[in-house]
Amino acid sequence: AAYDDKVQEEKNIECVSGQYFIQGGNE
């Protein structure tokens, strides 16, 4: 249920496949 396409589109972002998603800034 948490993986439903609409749920994911509302909460999360599209990322670049094939590379780590490293996020900087304050922890």
mmCIF file of all heavy atoms, coordinates in Angstrom:
data_MODEL
# 
_entry.id   MODEL 
# 
loop_
_atom_site.group_PDB 
_atom_site.id 
_atom_site.type_symbol 
_atom_site.label_atom_id 
_atom_site.label_alt_id 
_atom_site.label_comp_id 
_atom_site.label_asym_id 
_atom_site.label_entity_id 
_atom_site.label_seq_id 
_atom_site.pdbx_PDB_ins_code 
_atom_site.Cartn_x 
_atom_site.Cartn_y 
_atom_site.Cartn_z 
_atom_site.occupancy 
_atom_site.B_iso_or_equiv 
_atom_site.pdbx_formal_charge 
_atom_site.auth_seq_id 
_atom_site.auth_comp_id 
_atom_site.auth_asym_id 
_atom_site.auth_atom_id 
_atom_site.pdbx_PDB_model_num 
ATOM 1   N N   . ALA A 1 1  ? 0.831  -1.209 0.000   1.00 0.00 ? 1  ALA A N   1 
ATOM 2   C CA  . ALA A 1 1  ? 0.000  0.000  0.000   1.00 0.00 ? 1  ALA A CA  1 
ATOM 3   C C   . ALA A 1 1  ? 0.868  1.263  0.000   1.00 0.00 ? 1  ALA A C   1 
ATOM 4   O O   . ALA A 1 1  ? 0.550  2.254  -0.669  1.00 0.00 ? 1  ALA A O   1 
ATOM 5   C CB  . ALA A 1 1  ? -0.934 -0.004 1.211   1.00 0.00 ? 1  ALA A CB  1 
ATOM 6   N N   . ALA A 1 2  ? 1.975  1.226  0.729   1.00 0.00 ? 2  ALA A N   1 
ATOM 7   C CA  . ALA A 1 2  ? 2.880  2.389  0.795   1.00 0.00 ? 2  ALA A CA  1 
ATOM 8   C C   . ALA A 1 2  ? 3.620  2.603  -0.516  1.00 0.00 ? 2  ALA A C   1 
ATOM 9   O O   . ALA A 1 2  ? 4.233  3.658  -0.722  1.00 0.00 ? 2  ALA A O   1 
ATOM 10  C CB  . ALA A 1 2  ? 3.879  2.207  1.934   1.00 0.00 ? 2  ALA A CB  1 
ATOM 11  N N   . TYR A 1 3  ? 3.587  1.607  -1.401  1.00 0.00 ? 3  TYR A N   1 
ATOM 12  C CA  . TYR A 1 3  ? 4.293  1.698  -2.680  1.00 0.00 ? 3  TYR A CA  1 
ATOM 13  C C   . TYR A 1 3  ? 3.357  2.053  -3.830  1.00 0.00 ? 3  TYR A C   1 
ATOM 14  O O   . TYR A 1 3  ? 3.794  2.085  -4.987  1.00 0.00 ? 3  TYR A O   1 
ATOM 15  C CB  . TYR A 1 3  ? 4.985  0.371  -2.992  1.00 0.00 ? 3  TYR A CB  1 
ATOM 16  C CG  . TYR A 1 3  ? 6.143  0.045  -2.078  1.00 0.00 ? 3  TYR A CG  1 
ATOM 17  C CD1 . TYR A 1 3  ? 5.935  -0.595 -0.855  1.00 0.00 ? 3  TYR A CD1 1 
ATOM 18  C CD2 . TYR A 1 3  ? 7.452  0.369  -2.430  1.00 0.00 ? 3  TYR A CD2 1 
ATOM 19  C CE1 . TYR A 1 3  ? 7.003  -0.904 -0.016  1.00 0.00 ? 3  TYR A CE1 1 
ATOM 20  C CE2 . TYR A 1 3  ? 8.523  0.069  -1.603  1.00 0.00 ? 3  TYR A CE2 1 
ATOM 21  C CZ  . TYR A 1 3  ? 8.291  -0.571 -0.403  1.00 0.00 ? 3  TYR A CZ  1 
ATOM 22  O OH  . TYR A 1 3  ? 9.339  -0.872 0.424   1.00 0.00 ? 3  TYR A OH  1 
ATOM 23  N N   . ASP A 1 4  ? 2.077  2.294  -3.535  1.00 0.00 ? 4  ASP A N   1 
ATOM 24  C CA  . ASP A 1 4  ? 1.142  2.672  -4.591  1.00 0.00 ? 4  ASP A CA  1 
ATOM 25  C C   . ASP A 1 4  ? 1.704  3.844  -5.391  1.00 0.00 ? 4  ASP A C   1 
ATOM 26  O O   . ASP A 1 4  ? 2.276  4.783  -4.813  1.00 0.00 ? 4  ASP A O   1 
ATOM 27  C CB  . ASP A 1 4  ? -0.214 3.061  -4.004  1.00 0.00 ? 4  ASP A CB  1 
ATOM 28  C CG  . ASP A 1 4  ? -1.037 1.846  -3.600  1.00 0.00 ? 4  ASP A CG  1 
ATOM 29  O OD1 . ASP A 1 4  ? -0.691 0.726  -4.038  1.00 0.00 ? 4  ASP A OD1 1 
ATOM 30  O OD2 . ASP A 1 4  ? -2.017 2.007  -2.841  1.00 0.00 ? 4  ASP A OD2 1 
ATOM 31  N N   . ASP A 1 5  ? 1.534  3.806  -6.695  1.00 0.00 ? 5  ASP A N   1 
ATOM 32  C CA  . ASP A 1 5  ? 2.128  4.827  -7.549  1.00 0.00 ? 5  ASP A CA  1 
ATOM 33  C C   . ASP A 1 5  ? 1.733  6.244  -7.127  1.00 0.00 ? 5  ASP A C   1 
ATOM 34  O O   . ASP A 1 5  ? 2.574  7.150  -7.083  1.00 0.00 ? 5  ASP A O   1 
ATOM 35  C CB  . ASP A 1 5  ? 1.716  4.583  -9.001  1.00 0.00 ? 5  ASP A CB  1 
ATOM 36  C CG  . ASP A 1 5  ? 2.427  3.376  -9.599  1.00 0.00 ? 5  ASP A CG  1 
ATOM 37  O OD1 . ASP A 1 5  ? 2.917  2.515  -8.831  1.00 0.00 ? 5  ASP A OD1 1 
ATOM 38  O OD2 . ASP A 1 5  ? 2.520  3.282  -10.837 1.00 0.00 ? 5  ASP A OD2 1 
ATOM 39  N N   . LYS A 1 6  ? 0.456  6.447  -6.815  1.00 0.00 ? 6  LYS A N   1 
ATOM 40  C CA  . LYS A 1 6  ? -0.003 7.785  -6.436  1.00 0.00 ? 6  LYS A CA  1 
ATOM 41  C C   . LYS A 1 6  ? 0.632  8.235  -5.123  1.00 0.00 ? 6  LYS A C   1 
ATOM 42  O O   . LYS A 1 6  ? 0.993  9.401  -4.966  1.00 0.00 ? 6  LYS A O   1 
ATOM 43  C CB  . LYS A 1 6  ? -1.532 7.803  -6.317  1.00 0.00 ? 6  LYS A CB  1 
ATOM 44  C CG  . LYS A 1 6  ? -2.249 7.727  -7.656  1.00 0.00 ? 6  LYS A CG  1 
ATOM 45  C CD  . LYS A 1 6  ? -3.746 7.872  -7.482  1.00 0.00 ? 6  LYS A CD  1 
ATOM 46  C CE  . LYS A 1 6  ? -4.454 7.847  -8.835  1.00 0.00 ? 6  LYS A CE  1 
ATOM 47  N NZ  . LYS A 1 6  ? -5.933 7.983  -8.691  1.00 0.00 ? 6  LYS A NZ  1 
ATOM 48  N N   . VAL A 1 7  ? 0.771  7.317  -4.178  1.00 0.00 ? 7  VAL A N   1 
ATOM 49  C CA  . VAL A 1 7  ? 1.392  7.646  -2.889  1.00 0.00 ? 7  VAL A CA  1 
ATOM 50  C C   . VAL A 1 7  ? 2.841  8.065  -3.102  1.00 0.00 ? 7  VAL A C   1 
ATOM 51  O O   . VAL A 1 7  ? 3.313  9.059  -2.539  1.00 0.00 ? 7  VAL A O   1 
ATOM 52  C CB  . VAL A 1 7  ? 1.320  6.442  -1.928  1.00 0.00 ? 7  VAL A CB  1 
ATOM 53  C CG1 . VAL A 1 7  ? 2.111  6.717  -0.656  1.00 0.00 ? 7  VAL A CG1 1 
ATOM 54  C CG2 . VAL A 1 7  ? -0.126 6.112  -1.590  1.00 0.00 ? 7  VAL A CG2 1 
ATOM 55  N N   . GLN A 1 8  ? 3.556  7.314  -3.916  1.00 0.00 ? 8  GLN A N   1 
ATOM 56  C CA  . GLN A 1 8  ? 4.960  7.629  -4.181  1.00 0.00 ? 8  GLN A CA  1 
ATOM 57  C C   . GLN A 1 8  ? 5.112  8.953  -4.925  1.00 0.00 ? 8  GLN A C   1 
ATOM 58  O O   . GLN A 1 8  ? 6.023  9.732  -4.642  1.00 0.00 ? 8  GLN A O   1 
ATOM 59  C CB  . GLN A 1 8  ? 5.600  6.490  -4.979  1.00 0.00 ? 8  GLN A CB  1 
ATOM 60  C CG  . GLN A 1 8  ? 5.827  5.220  -4.175  1.00 0.00 ? 8  GLN A CG  1 
ATOM 61  C CD  . GLN A 1 8  ? 6.865  5.404  -3.081  1.00 0.00 ? 8  GLN A CD  1 
ATOM 62  O OE1 . GLN A 1 8  ? 7.947  5.913  -3.312  1.00 0.00 ? 8  GLN A OE1 1 
ATOM 63  N NE2 . GLN A 1 8  ? 6.524  4.996  -1.866  1.00 0.00 ? 8  GLN A NE2 1 
ATOM 64  N N   . GLU A 1 9  ? 4.234  9.215  -5.877  1.00 0.00 ? 9  GLU A N   1 
ATOM 65  C CA  . GLU A 1 9  ? 4.303  10.468 -6.627  1.00 0.00 ? 9  GLU A CA  1 
ATOM 66  C C   . GLU A 1 9  ? 4.044  11.678 -5.742  1.00 0.00 ? 9  GLU A C   1 
ATOM 67  O O   . GLU A 1 9  ? 4.629  12.744 -5.947  1.00 0.00 ? 9  GLU A O   1 
ATOM 68  C CB  . GLU A 1 9  ? 3.308  10.437 -7.784  1.00 0.00 ? 9  GLU A CB  1 
ATOM 69  C CG  . GLU A 1 9  ? 3.700  9.467  -8.896  1.00 0.00 ? 9  GLU A CG  1 
ATOM 70  C CD  . GLU A 1 9  ? 2.589  9.255  -9.905  1.00 0.00 ? 9  GLU A CD  1 
ATOM 71  O OE1 . GLU A 1 9  ? 1.513  9.873  -9.727  1.00 0.00 ? 9  GLU A OE1 1 
ATOM 72  O OE2 . GLU A 1 9  ? 2.781  8.482  -10.859 1.00 0.00 ? 9  GLU A OE2 1 
ATOM 73  N N   . GLU A 1 10 ? 3.188  11.515 -4.744  1.00 0.00 ? 10 GLU A N   1 
ATOM 74  C CA  . GLU A 1 10 ? 2.860  12.627 -3.846  1.00 0.00 ? 10 GLU A CA  1 
ATOM 75  C C   . GLU A 1 10 ? 3.969  12.888 -2.829  1.00 0.00 ? 10 GLU A C   1 
ATOM 76  O O   . GLU A 1 10 ? 4.269  14.037 -2.504  1.00 0.00 ? 10 GLU A O   1 
ATOM 77  C CB  . GLU A 1 10 ? 1.549  12.335 -3.108  1.00 0.00 ? 10 GLU A CB  1 
ATOM 78  C CG  . GLU A 1 10 ? 0.314  12.363 -3.998  1.00 0.00 ? 10 GLU A CG  1 
ATOM 79  C CD  . GLU A 1 10 ? -0.940 11.934 -3.255  1.00 0.00 ? 10 GLU A CD  1 
ATOM 80  O OE1 . GLU A 1 10 ? -0.817 11.607 -2.043  1.00 0.00 ? 10 GLU A OE1 1 
ATOM 81  O OE2 . GLU A 1 10 ? -2.015 11.910 -3.858  1.00 0.00 ? 10 GLU A OE2 1 
ATOM 82  N N   . LYS A 1 11 ? 4.594  11.830 -2.338  1.00 0.00 ? 11 LYS A N   1 
ATOM 83  C CA  . LYS A 1 11 ? 5.541  11.974 -1.231  1.00 0.00 ? 11 LYS A CA  1 
ATOM 84  C C   . LYS A 1 11 ? 7.000  12.071 -1.661  1.00 0.00 ? 11 LYS A C   1 
ATOM 85  O O   . LYS A 1 11 ? 7.803  12.727 -0.990  1.00 0.00 ? 11 LYS A O   1 
ATOM 86  C CB  . LYS A 1 11 ? 5.387  10.799 -0.257  1.00 0.00 ? 11 LYS A CB  1 
ATOM 87  C CG  . LYS A 1 11 ? 4.085  10.795 0.518   1.00 0.00 ? 11 LYS A CG  1 
ATOM 88  C CD  . LYS A 1 11 ? 4.080  9.674  1.552   1.00 0.00 ? 11 LYS A CD  1 
ATOM 89  C CE  . LYS A 1 11 ? 2.834  9.721  2.424   1.00 0.00 ? 11 LYS A CE  1 
ATOM 90  N NZ  . LYS A 1 11 ? 2.853  8.647  3.460   1.00 0.00 ? 11 LYS A NZ  1 
ATOM 91  N N   . ASN A 1 12 ? 7.348  11.385 -2.740  1.00 0.00 ? 12 ASN A N   1 
ATOM 92  C CA  . ASN A 1 12 ? 8.758  11.248 -3.092  1.00 0.00 ? 12 ASN A CA  1 
ATOM 93  C C   . ASN A 1 12 ? 9.071  11.804 -4.474  1.00 0.00 ? 12 ASN A C   1 
ATOM 94  O O   . ASN A 1 12 ? 8.181  12.161 -5.240  1.00 0.00 ? 12 ASN A O   1 
ATOM 95  C CB  . ASN A 1 12 ? 9.177  9.780  -2.988  1.00 0.00 ? 12 ASN A CB  1 
ATOM 96  C CG  . ASN A 1 12 ? 9.069  9.262  -1.564  1.00 0.00 ? 12 ASN A CG  1 
ATOM 97  O OD1 . ASN A 1 12 ? 9.201  10.016 -0.609  1.00 0.00 ? 12 ASN A OD1 1 
ATOM 98  N ND2 . ASN A 1 12 ? 8.812  7.969  -1.416  1.00 0.00 ? 12 ASN A ND2 1 
ATOM 99  N N   . ILE A 1 13 ? 10.355 11.868 -4.803  1.00 0.00 ? 13 ILE A N   1 
ATOM 100 C CA  . ILE A 1 13 ? 10.804 12.498 -6.033  1.00 0.00 ? 13 ILE A CA  1 
ATOM 101 C C   . ILE A 1 13 ? 11.363 11.459 -7.010  1.00 0.00 ? 13 ILE A C   1 
ATOM 102 O O   . ILE A 1 13 ? 11.728 10.351 -6.621  1.00 0.00 ? 13 ILE A O   1 
ATOM 103 C CB  . ILE A 1 13 ? 11.877 13.563 -5.752  1.00 0.00 ? 13 ILE A CB  1 
ATOM 104 C CG1 . ILE A 1 13 ? 13.144 12.907 -5.187  1.00 0.00 ? 13 ILE A CG1 1 
ATOM 105 C CG2 . ILE A 1 13 ? 11.349 14.634 -4.815  1.00 0.00 ? 13 ILE A CG2 1 
ATOM 106 C CD1 . ILE A 1 13 ? 14.328 13.851 -5.081  1.00 0.00 ? 13 ILE A CD1 1 
ATOM 107 N N   . GLU A 1 14 ? 11.430 11.830 -8.273  1.00 0.00 ? 14 GLU A N   1 
ATOM 108 C CA  . GLU A 1 14 ? 12.074 10.998 -9.273  1.00 0.00 ? 14 GLU A CA  1 
ATOM 109 C C   . GLU A 1 14 ? 13.583 11.223 -9.193  1.00 0.00 ? 14 GLU A C   1 
ATOM 110 O O   . GLU A 1 14 ? 14.040 12.368 -9.137  1.00 0.00 ? 14 GLU A O   1 
ATOM 111 C CB  . GLU A 1 14 ? 11.558 11.332 -10.673 1.00 0.00 ? 14 GLU A CB  1 
ATOM 112 C CG  . GLU A 1 14 ? 10.113 10.943 -10.898 1.00 0.00 ? 14 GLU A CG  1 
ATOM 113 C CD  . GLU A 1 14 ? 9.689  11.151 -12.341 1.00 0.00 ? 14 GLU A CD  1 
ATOM 114 O OE1 . GLU A 1 14 ? 10.591 11.315 -13.200 1.00 0.00 ? 14 GLU A OE1 1 
ATOM 115 O OE2 . GLU A 1 14 ? 8.485  11.155 -12.612 1.00 0.00 ? 14 GLU A OE2 1 
ATOM 116 N N   . CYS A 1 15 ? 14.334 10.148 -9.184  1.00 0.00 ? 15 CYS A N   1 
ATOM 117 C CA  . CYS A 1 15 ? 15.780 10.252 -9.031  1.00 0.00 ? 15 CYS A CA  1 
ATOM 118 C C   . CYS A 1 15 ? 16.487 9.717  -10.277 1.00 0.00 ? 15 CYS A C   1 
ATOM 119 O O   . CYS A 1 15 ? 15.875 9.094  -11.137 1.00 0.00 ? 15 CYS A O   1 
ATOM 120 C CB  . CYS A 1 15 ? 16.247 9.474  -7.798  1.00 0.00 ? 15 CYS A CB  1 
ATOM 121 S SG  . CYS A 1 15 ? 15.576 10.097 -6.245  1.00 0.00 ? 15 CYS A SG  1 
ATOM 122 N N   . VAL A 1 16 ? 17.781 9.975  -10.338 1.00 0.00 ? 16 VAL A N   1 
ATOM 123 C CA  . VAL A 1 16 ? 18.591 9.516  -11.461 1.00 0.00 ? 16 VAL A CA  1 
ATOM 124 C C   . VAL A 1 16 ? 19.036 8.081  -11.198 1.00 0.00 ? 16 VAL A C   1 
ATOM 125 O O   . VAL A 1 16 ? 19.736 7.808  -10.217 1.00 0.00 ? 16 VAL A O   1 
ATOM 126 C CB  . VAL A 1 16 ? 19.821 10.424 -11.662 1.00 0.00 ? 16 VAL A CB  1 
ATOM 127 C CG1 . VAL A 1 16 ? 20.673 9.909  -12.822 1.00 0.00 ? 16 VAL A CG1 1 
ATOM 128 C CG2 . VAL A 1 16 ? 19.384 11.865 -11.903 1.00 0.00 ? 16 VAL A CG2 1 
ATOM 129 N N   . SER A 1 17 ? 18.628 7.182  -12.064 1.00 0.00 ? 17 SER A N   1 
ATOM 130 C CA  . SER A 1 17 ? 18.956 5.773  -11.893 1.00 0.00 ? 17 SER A CA  1 
ATOM 131 C C   . SER A 1 17 ? 20.439 5.521  -12.107 1.00 0.00 ? 17 SER A C   1 
ATOM 132 O O   . SER A 1 17 ? 21.108 6.211  -12.882 1.00 0.00 ? 17 SER A O   1 
ATOM 133 C CB  . SER A 1 17 ? 18.146 4.937  -12.891 1.00 0.00 ? 17 SER A CB  1 
ATOM 134 O OG  . SER A 1 17 ? 18.461 3.571  -12.791 1.00 0.00 ? 17 SER A OG  1 
ATOM 135 N N   . GLY A 1 18 ? 20.969 4.529  -11.380 1.00 0.00 ? 18 GLY A N   1 
ATOM 136 C CA  . GLY A 1 18 ? 22.340 4.092  -11.606 1.00 0.00 ? 18 GLY A CA  1 
ATOM 137 C C   . GLY A 1 18 ? 23.406 4.816  -10.821 1.00 0.00 ? 18 GLY A C   1 
ATOM 138 O O   . GLY A 1 18 ? 24.594 4.549  -11.005 1.00 0.00 ? 18 GLY A O   1 
ATOM 139 N N   . GLN A 1 19 ? 23.007 5.720  -9.930  1.00 0.00 ? 19 GLN A N   1 
ATOM 140 C CA  . GLN A 1 19 ? 23.995 6.401  -9.099  1.00 0.00 ? 19 GLN A CA  1 
ATOM 141 C C   . GLN A 1 19 ? 23.429 6.675  -7.716  1.00 0.00 ? 19 GLN A C   1 
ATOM 142 O O   . GLN A 1 19 ? 22.225 6.828  -7.546  1.00 0.00 ? 19 GLN A O   1 
ATOM 143 C CB  . GLN A 1 19 ? 24.442 7.717  -9.752  1.00 0.00 ? 19 GLN A CB  1 
ATOM 144 C CG  . GLN A 1 19 ? 23.341 8.761  -9.905  1.00 0.00 ? 19 GLN A CG  1 
ATOM 145 C CD  . GLN A 1 19 ? 23.815 9.990  -10.660 1.00 0.00 ? 19 GLN A CD  1 
ATOM 146 O OE1 . GLN A 1 19 ? 24.445 9.899  -11.708 1.00 0.00 ? 19 GLN A OE1 1 
ATOM 147 N NE2 . GLN A 1 19 ? 23.519 11.169 -10.117 1.00 0.00 ? 19 GLN A NE2 1 
ATOM 148 N N   . TYR A 1 20 ? 24.330 6.700  -6.724  1.00 0.00 ? 20 TYR A N   1 
ATOM 149 C CA  . TYR A 1 20 ? 23.895 6.957  -5.351  1.00 0.00 ? 20 TYR A CA  1 
ATOM 150 C C   . TYR A 1 20 ? 23.281 8.352  -5.246  1.00 0.00 ? 20 TYR A C   1 
ATOM 151 O O   . TYR A 1 20 ? 23.733 9.295  -5.907  1.00 0.00 ? 20 TYR A O   1 
ATOM 152 C CB  . TYR A 1 20 ? 25.074 6.858  -4.385  1.00 0.00 ? 20 TYR A CB  1 
ATOM 153 C CG  . TYR A 1 20 ? 25.684 5.470  -4.285  1.00 0.00 ? 20 TYR A CG  1 
ATOM 154 C CD1 . TYR A 1 20 ? 27.028 5.266  -4.596  1.00 0.00 ? 20 TYR A CD1 1 
ATOM 155 C CD2 . TYR A 1 20 ? 24.940 4.384  -3.875  1.00 0.00 ? 20 TYR A CD2 1 
ATOM 156 C CE1 . TYR A 1 20 ? 27.607 4.000  -4.505  1.00 0.00 ? 20 TYR A CE1 1 
ATOM 157 C CE2 . TYR A 1 20 ? 25.500 3.115  -3.779  1.00 0.00 ? 20 TYR A CE2 1 
ATOM 158 C CZ  . TYR A 1 20 ? 26.837 2.928  -4.096  1.00 0.00 ? 20 TYR A CZ  1 
ATOM 159 O OH  . TYR A 1 20 ? 27.392 1.682  -4.009  1.00 0.00 ? 20 TYR A OH  1 
ATOM 160 N N   . PHE A 1 21 ? 22.245 8.466  -4.419  1.00 0.00 ? 21 PHE A N   1 
ATOM 161 C CA  . PHE A 1 21 ? 21.595 9.759  -4.179  1.00 0.00 ? 21 PHE A CA  1 
ATOM 162 C C   . PHE A 1 21 ? 22.157 10.328 -2.879  1.00 0.00 ? 21 PHE A C   1 
ATOM 163 O O   . PHE A 1 21 ? 21.606 10.123 -1.799  1.00 0.00 ? 21 PHE A O   1 
ATOM 164 C CB  . PHE A 1 21 ? 20.082 9.577  -4.105  1.00 0.00 ? 21 PHE A CB  1 
ATOM 165 C CG  . PHE A 1 21 ? 19.315 10.859 -3.952  1.00 0.00 ? 21 PHE A CG  1 
ATOM 166 C CD1 . PHE A 1 21 ? 19.801 12.052 -4.455  1.00 0.00 ? 21 PHE A CD1 1 
ATOM 167 C CD2 . PHE A 1 21 ? 18.094 10.876 -3.293  1.00 0.00 ? 21 PHE A CD2 1 
ATOM 168 C CE1 . PHE A 1 21 ? 19.089 13.235 -4.318  1.00 0.00 ? 21 PHE A CE1 1 
ATOM 169 C CE2 . PHE A 1 21 ? 17.369 12.040 -3.151  1.00 0.00 ? 21 PHE A CE2 1 
ATOM 170 C CZ  . PHE A 1 21 ? 17.871 13.233 -3.668  1.00 0.00 ? 21 PHE A CZ  1 
ATOM 171 N N   . ILE A 1 22 ? 23.274 11.012 -3.008  1.00 0.00 ? 22 ILE A N   1 
ATOM 172 C CA  . ILE A 1 22 ? 23.968 11.560 -1.836  1.00 0.00 ? 22 ILE A CA  1 
ATOM 173 C C   . ILE A 1 22 ? 23.464 12.972 -1.571  1.00 0.00 ? 22 ILE A C   1 
ATOM 174 O O   . ILE A 1 22 ? 23.480 13.832 -2.460  1.00 0.00 ? 22 ILE A O   1 
ATOM 175 C CB  . ILE A 1 22 ? 25.491 11.554 -2.059  1.00 0.00 ? 22 ILE A CB  1 
ATOM 176 C CG1 . ILE A 1 22 ? 25.971 10.111 -2.269  1.00 0.00 ? 22 ILE A CG1 1 
ATOM 177 C CG2 . ILE A 1 22 ? 26.215 12.190 -0.881  1.00 0.00 ? 22 ILE A CG2 1 
ATOM 178 C CD1 . ILE A 1 22 ? 27.409 9.992  -2.685  1.00 0.00 ? 22 ILE A CD1 1 
ATOM 179 N N   . GLN A 1 23 ? 23.008 13.208 -0.347  1.00 0.00 ? 23 GLN A N   1 
ATOM 180 C CA  . GLN A 1 23 ? 22.434 14.500 0.025   1.00 0.00 ? 23 GLN A CA  1 
ATOM 181 C C   . GLN A 1 23 ? 23.287 15.160 1.099   1.00 0.00 ? 23 GLN A C   1 
ATOM 182 O O   . GLN A 1 23 ? 23.539 14.585 2.142   1.00 0.00 ? 23 GLN A O   1 
ATOM 183 C CB  . GLN A 1 23 ? 20.997 14.303 0.525   1.00 0.00 ? 23 GLN A CB  1 
ATOM 184 C CG  . GLN A 1 23 ? 20.106 13.604 -0.500  1.00 0.00 ? 23 GLN A CG  1 
ATOM 185 C CD  . GLN A 1 23 ? 18.701 13.394 -0.008  1.00 0.00 ? 23 GLN A CD  1 
ATOM 186 O OE1 . GLN A 1 23 ? 17.973 14.345 0.285   1.00 0.00 ? 23 GLN A OE1 1 
ATOM 187 N NE2 . GLN A 1 23 ? 18.283 12.134 0.064   1.00 0.00 ? 23 GLN A NE2 1 
ATOM 188 N N   . GLY A 1 24 ? 23.718 16.361 0.794   1.00 0.00 ? 24 GLY A N   1 
ATOM 189 C CA  . GLY A 1 24 ? 24.551 17.103 1.738   1.00 0.00 ? 24 GLY A CA  1 
ATOM 190 C C   . GLY A 1 24 ? 23.709 17.916 2.709   1.00 0.00 ? 24 GLY A C   1 
ATOM 191 O O   . GLY A 1 24 ? 22.550 17.609 2.975   1.00 0.00 ? 24 GLY A O   1 
ATOM 192 N N   . GLY A 1 25 ? 24.296 18.976 3.227   1.00 0.00 ? 25 GLY A N   1 
ATOM 193 C CA  . GLY A 1 25 ? 23.595 19.831 4.180   1.00 0.00 ? 25 GLY A CA  1 
ATOM 194 C C   . GLY A 1 25 ? 23.710 19.337 5.602   1.00 0.00 ? 25 GLY A C   1 
ATOM 195 O O   . GLY A 1 25 ? 24.385 18.340 5.892   1.00 0.00 ? 25 GLY A O   1 
ATOM 196 N N   . ASN A 1 26 ? 23.049 20.020 6.493   1.00 0.00 ? 26 ASN A N   1 
ATOM 197 C CA  . ASN A 1 26 ? 23.073 19.658 7.907   1.00 0.00 ? 26 ASN A CA  1 
ATOM 198 C C   . ASN A 1 26 ? 22.418 18.306 8.110   1.00 0.00 ? 26 ASN A C   1 
ATOM 199 O O   . ASN A 1 26 ? 21.412 17.975 7.467   1.00 0.00 ? 26 ASN A O   1 
ATOM 200 C CB  . ASN A 1 26 ? 22.339 20.737 8.715   1.00 0.00 ? 26 ASN A CB  1 
ATOM 201 C CG  . ASN A 1 26 ? 22.582 20.590 10.203  1.00 0.00 ? 26 ASN A CG  1 
ATOM 202 O OD1 . ASN A 1 26 ? 22.147 19.623 10.818  1.00 0.00 ? 26 ASN A OD1 1 
ATOM 203 N ND2 . ASN A 1 26 ? 23.278 21.547 10.790  1.00 0.00 ? 26 ASN A ND2 1 
ATOM 204 N N   . GLU A 1 27 ? 22.984 17.499 9.019   1.00 0.00 ? 27 GLU A N   1 
ATOM 205 C CA  . GLU A 1 27 ? 22.447 16.155 9.212   1.00 0.00 ? 27 GLU A CA  1 
ATOM 206 C C   . GLU A 1 27 ? 21.037 16.154 9.785   1.00 0.00 ? 27 GLU A C   1 
ATOM 207 O O   . GLU A 1 27 ? 20.339 15.144 9.717   1.00 0.00 ? 27 GLU A O   1 
ATOM 208 C CB  . GLU A 1 27 ? 23.372 15.342 10.119  1.00 0.00 ? 27 GLU A CB  1 
ATOM 209 C CG  . GLU A 1 27 ? 23.454 15.821 11.549  1.00 0.00 ? 27 GLU A CG  1 
ATOM 210 C CD  . GLU A 1 27 ? 24.295 14.898 12.415  1.00 0.00 ? 27 GLU A CD  1 
ATOM 211 O OE1 . GLU A 1 27 ? 24.784 13.869 11.905  1.00 0.00 ? 27 GLU A OE1 1 
ATOM 212 O OE2 . GLU A 1 27 ? 24.481 15.216 13.605  1.00 0.00 ? 27 GLU A OE2 1 
# 
